[in-house]
Structures are given as structure tokens and as C-alpha cells.
């Protein structure tokens, strides 16, 4: 059974950077997808990025395009989310989510129901 554990959150000033990590276990490395979601206080959880491990195809939410980069390290079974040029509106709890299937990026956003396994979340706070 797939499990994901995320880490790397913290407090950073506007314009700063953070790298989140998601360690994946219990899955065939080349046949699934990892997504990143976030939830700010009082707001719904939203998808922000996703990567398919078979072809490394990626998807980004418009608000993070050009600032966030998703990548994977096969040897470490880890997916990273590099976040640059952070803004106060990026403040949220960030969740790593795993899907046992690849995600087809036809819709405007990735959907929570496409993912079966969720991490506990890591807090990202961007001060102004």
C-alpha cells in the first residue's frame, strides 16, 4: 500500500524559497502520480502541482507557474516541490498526495478524489 510523508515547510520572508519533499513507499516507482495540494485558513484545498512518474509529465496551477517546480529523485523515491519567489498568499498547509494511477491533465485542475493516499501536511508561512 502506497504511503507518502511530506516535510520541508517553515517560515520564510516574501521572495524567499522553500523545498518540500514527499517520500513515497509501497508503490511501483514508475507507475503512479504524486500531487501537491495546499489549504489556507478558511479556504478550500486546492491542487497546485502534479507529476506522473512514468513519463515525468507535470501540471501546475496558474498561480504558481514559473515560481514552483516539481521534480522527482528515483533513487530516493522522493518527489520535490521547489518553491521560489514566495508570496504571503502562498501561506497554507501543503499536502503531498499519491495516486496509484497516472493523472491525465485534461481538466483545469487536479482533483482530490484522484488521489488515494495523503500525507499529514506541512505548514508553509510566508511573512510580508
Foldseek 3Di string as FASTA:
>chain_A
DKAKAKDWADEEAQQAKTKMKIAIDDADQQFWKKWKWWDDPPGDIFTAKMAHRNVRDMDGQPVQPPFWDWDDDSVRNMIMIIGGRDDQVVWTWMKMFIARHYDDPPDNGDDPVRTDYIYPTDTHGYHD
